Amino acid sequence: MTNEDKKRKEFFEKELLWKYPIMFLALIVCVKILQYLDNIRP
């Protein structure tokens, strides 16, 4: 693995570590909103 590849890999790992929790939280929020809308529907 070249030095350039190593830098790119580290960059991607940092990006993914930052993005995955946010996507996960967004997914949970969406599910909660859908459940909430289901509950208020008569």
PDB file of N, CA and C in Angstrom:
ATOM      1  N   MET A   1       0.850  -1.200   0.000  1.00  0.00           N
ATOM      2  CA  MET A   1       0.000   0.000   0.000  1.00  0.00           C
ATOM      3  C   MET A   1       0.881   1.244   0.000  1.00  0.00           C
ATOM      4  N   THR A   2       0.619   2.143  -0.913  1.00  0.00           N
ATOM      5  CA  THR A   2       1.431   3.357  -0.992  1.00  0.00           C
ATOM      6  C   THR A   2       0.984   4.366   0.065  1.00  0.00           C
ATOM      7  N   ASN A   3       1.793   5.391   0.235  1.00  0.00           N
ATOM      8  CA  ASN A   3       1.494   6.420   1.228  1.00  0.00           C
ATOM      9  C   ASN A   3       0.187   7.137   0.893  1.00  0.00           C
ATOM     10  N   GLU A   4      -0.030   7.354  -0.403  1.00  0.00           N
ATOM     11  CA  GLU A   4      -1.250   8.033  -0.861  1.00  0.00           C
ATOM     12  C   GLU A   4      -2.494   7.212  -0.489  1.00  0.00           C
ATOM     13  N   ASP A   5      -2.410   5.900  -0.693  1.00  0.00           N
ATOM     14  CA  ASP A   5      -3.526   5.017  -0.339  1.00  0.00           C
ATOM     15  C   ASP A   5      -3.820   5.067   1.143  1.00  0.00           C
ATOM     16  N   LYS A   6      -2.746   5.112   1.939  1.00  0.00           N
ATOM     17  CA  LYS A   6      -2.913   5.135   3.388  1.00  0.00           C
ATOM     18  C   LYS A   6      -3.651   6.399   3.813  1.00  0.00           C
ATOM     19  N   LYS A   7      -3.261   7.535   3.216  1.00  0.00           N
ATOM     20  CA  LYS A   7      -3.926   8.807   3.538  1.00  0.00           C
ATOM     21  C   LYS A   7      -5.401   8.745   3.159  1.00  0.00           C
ATOM     22  N   ARG A   8      -5.667   8.208   1.977  1.00  0.00           N
ATOM     23  CA  ARG A   8      -7.041   8.134   1.499  1.00  0.00           C
ATOM     24  C   ARG A   8      -7.877   7.249   2.417  1.00  0.00           C
ATOM     25  N   LYS A   9      -7.296   6.119   2.834  1.00  0.00           N
ATOM     26  CA  LYS A   9      -8.009   5.184   3.705  1.00  0.00           C
ATOM     27  C   LYS A   9      -8.353   5.871   5.031  1.00  0.00           C
ATOM     28  N   GLU A  10      -7.382   6.571   5.609  1.00  0.00           N
ATOM     29  CA  GLU A  10      -7.631   7.263   6.874  1.00  0.00           C
ATOM     30  C   GLU A  10      -8.724   8.313   6.699  1.00  0.00           C
ATOM     31  N   PHE A  11      -8.670   9.020   5.583  1.00  0.00           N
ATOM     32  CA  PHE A  11      -9.664  10.056   5.308  1.00  0.00           C
ATOM     33  C   PHE A  11     -11.062   9.439   5.237  1.00  0.00           C
ATOM     34  N   PHE A  12     -11.184   8.329   4.492  1.00  0.00           N
ATOM     35  CA  PHE A  12     -12.486   7.680   4.356  1.00  0.00           C
ATOM     36  C   PHE A  12     -12.986   7.160   5.690  1.00  0.00           C
ATOM     37  N   GLU A  13     -12.077   6.587   6.488  1.00  0.00           N
ATOM     38  CA  GLU A  13     -12.502   6.069   7.787  1.00  0.00           C
ATOM     39  C   GLU A  13     -13.021   7.188   8.672  1.00  0.00           C
ATOM     40  N   LYS A  14     -12.334   8.330   8.654  1.00  0.00           N
ATOM     41  CA  LYS A  14     -12.800   9.471   9.461  1.00  0.00           C
ATOM     42  C   LYS A  14     -14.150   9.963   8.952  1.00  0.00           C
ATOM     43  N   GLU A  15     -14.280  10.082   7.634  1.00  0.00           N
ATOM     44  CA  GLU A  15     -15.543  10.546   7.053  1.00  0.00           C
ATOM     45  C   GLU A  15     -16.695   9.611   7.428  1.00  0.00           C
ATOM     46  N   LEU A  16     -16.457   8.294   7.288  1.00  0.00           N
ATOM     47  CA  LEU A  16     -17.517   7.334   7.566  1.00  0.00           C
ATOM     48  C   LEU A  16     -17.859   7.318   9.045  1.00  0.00           C
ATOM     49  N   LEU A  17     -16.846   7.395   9.902  1.00  0.00           N
ATOM     50  CA  LEU A  17     -17.105   7.404  11.341  1.00  0.00           C
ATOM     51  C   LEU A  17     -17.934   8.610  11.725  1.00  0.00           C
ATOM     52  N   TRP A  18     -17.766   9.704  10.978  1.00  0.00           N
ATOM     53  CA  TRP A  18     -18.510  10.922  11.263  1.00  0.00           C
ATOM     54  C   TRP A  18     -19.920  10.838  10.691  1.00  0.00           C
ATOM     55  N   LYS A  19     -20.062  10.197   9.520  1.00  0.00           N
ATOM     56  CA  LYS A  19     -21.355  10.193   8.830  1.00  0.00           C
ATOM     57  C   LYS A  19     -22.301   9.099   9.309  1.00  0.00           C
ATOM     58  N   TYR A  20     -21.770   7.900   9.597  1.00  0.00           N
ATOM     59  CA  TYR A  20     -22.655   6.799   9.964  1.00  0.00           C
ATOM     60  C   TYR A  20     -23.533   7.078  11.176  1.00  0.00           C
ATOM     61  N   PRO A  21     -22.990   7.606  12.271  1.00  0.00           N
ATOM     62  CA  PRO A  21     -23.866   7.883  13.425  1.00  0.00           C
ATOM     63  C   PRO A  21     -24.969   8.867  13.089  1.00  0.00           C
ATOM     64  N   ILE A  22     -24.671   9.854  12.249  1.00  0.00           N
ATOM     65  CA  ILE A  22     -25.677  10.849  11.869  1.00  0.00           C
ATOM     66  C   ILE A  22     -26.775  10.196  11.030  1.00  0.00           C
ATOM     67  N   MET A  23     -26.377   9.340  10.092  1.00  0.00           N
ATOM     68  CA  MET A  23     -27.361   8.643   9.264  1.00  0.00           C
ATOM     69  C   MET A  23     -28.222   7.731  10.136  1.00  0.00           C
ATOM     70  N   PHE A  24     -27.569   7.073  11.109  1.00  0.00           N
ATOM     71  CA  PHE A  24     -28.267   6.169  12.016  1.00  0.00           C
ATOM     72  C   PHE A  24     -29.292   6.940  12.847  1.00  0.00           C
ATOM     73  N   LEU A  25     -28.871   8.080  13.387  1.00  0.00           N
ATOM     74  CA  LEU A  25     -29.791   8.917  14.166  1.00  0.00           C
ATOM     75  C   LEU A  25     -30.946   9.414  13.313  1.00  0.00           C
ATOM     76  N   ALA A  26     -30.648   9.815  12.082  1.00  0.00           N
ATOM     77  CA  ALA A  26     -31.693  10.304  11.181  1.00  0.00           C
ATOM     78  C   ALA A  26     -32.718   9.196  10.921  1.00  0.00           C
ATOM     79  N   LEU A  27     -32.225   7.972  10.760  1.00  0.00           N
ATOM     80  CA  LEU A  27     -33.107   6.839  10.520  1.00  0.00           C
ATOM     81  C   LEU A  27     -34.025   6.618  11.724  1.00  0.00           C
ATOM     82  N   ILE A  28     -33.457   6.670  12.930  1.00  0.00           N
ATOM     83  CA  ILE A  28     -34.246   6.490  14.147  1.00  0.00           C
ATOM     84  C   ILE A  28     -35.308   7.578  14.254  1.00  0.00           C
ATOM     85  N   VAL A  29     -34.912   8.821  13.969  1.00  0.00           N
ATOM     86  CA  VAL A  29     -35.855   9.937  14.031  1.00  0.00           C
ATOM     87  C   VAL A  29     -36.999   9.727  13.043  1.00  0.00           C
ATOM     88  N   CYS A  30     -36.675   9.288  11.825  1.00  0.00           N
ATOM     89  CA  CYS A  30     -37.710   9.036  10.819  1.00  0.00           C
ATOM     90  C   CYS A  30     -38.694   7.982  11.307  1.00  0.00           C
ATOM     91  N   VAL A  31     -38.170   6.899  11.883  1.00  0.00           N
ATOM     92  CA  VAL A  31     -39.035   5.825  12.375  1.00  0.00           C
ATOM     93  C   VAL A  31     -39.939   6.350  13.495  1.00  0.00           C
ATOM     94  N   LYS A  32     -39.363   7.124  14.409  1.00  0.00           N
ATOM     95  CA  LYS A  32     -40.152   7.684  15.519  1.00  0.00           C
ATOM     96  C   LYS A  32     -41.262   8.586  14.995  1.00  0.00           C
ATOM     97  N   ILE A  33     -40.940   9.412  14.003  1.00  0.00           N
ATOM     98  CA  ILE A  33     -41.946  10.315  13.430  1.00  0.00           C
ATOM     99  C   ILE A  33     -43.072   9.510  12.781  1.00  0.00           C
ATOM    100  N   LEU A  34     -42.702   8.454  12.047  1.00  0.00           N
ATOM    101  CA  LEU A  34     -43.726   7.620  11.412  1.00  0.00           C
ATOM    102  C   LEU A  34     -44.622   6.959  12.457  1.00  0.00           C
ATOM    103  N   GLN A  35     -44.021   6.469  13.543  1.00  0.00           N
ATOM    104  CA  GLN A  35     -44.814   5.851  14.604  1.00  0.00           C
ATOM    105  C   GLN A  35     -45.741   6.881  15.227  1.00  0.00           C
ATOM    106  N   TYR A  36     -45.221   8.088  15.432  1.00  0.00           N
ATOM    107  CA  TYR A  36     -46.003   9.166  16.039  1.00  0.00           C
ATOM    108  C   TYR A  36     -47.188   9.525  15.139  1.00  0.00           C
ATOM    109  N   LEU A  37     -46.939   9.636  13.840  1.00  0.00           N
ATOM    110  CA  LEU A  37     -48.019   9.947  12.899  1.00  0.00           C
ATOM    111  C   LEU A  37     -49.058   8.829  12.879  1.00  0.00           C
ATOM    112  N   ASP A  38     -48.601   7.584  12.993  1.00  0.00           N
ATOM    113  CA  ASP A  38     -49.536   6.462  13.048  1.00  0.00           C
ATOM    114  C   ASP A  38     -50.424   6.567  14.285  1.00  0.00           C
ATOM    115  N   ASN A  39     -49.848   6.991  15.397  1.00  0.00           N
ATOM    116  CA  ASN A  39     -50.589   7.058  16.656  1.00  0.00           C
ATOM    117  C   ASN A  39     -51.644   8.154  16.667  1.00  0.00           C
ATOM    118  N   ILE A  40     -51.379   9.285  16.002  1.00  0.00           N
ATOM    119  CA  ILE A  40     -52.368  10.365  16.038  1.00  0.00           C
ATOM    120  C   ILE A  40     -53.437  10.209  14.967  1.00  0.00           C
ATOM    121  N   ARG A  41     -53.221   9.291  14.042  1.00  0.00           N
ATOM    122  CA  ARG A  41     -54.231   9.088  13.007  1.00  0.00           C
ATOM    123  C   ARG A  41     -55.440   8.373  13.622  1.00  0.00           C
ATOM    124  N   PRO A  42     -56.658   8.862  13.394  1.00  0.00           N
ATOM    125  CA  PRO A  42     -57.845   8.243  14.009  1.00  0.00           C
ATOM    126  C   PRO A  42     -58.131   6.842  13.472  1.00  0.00           C
TER     127      PRO A  42
END
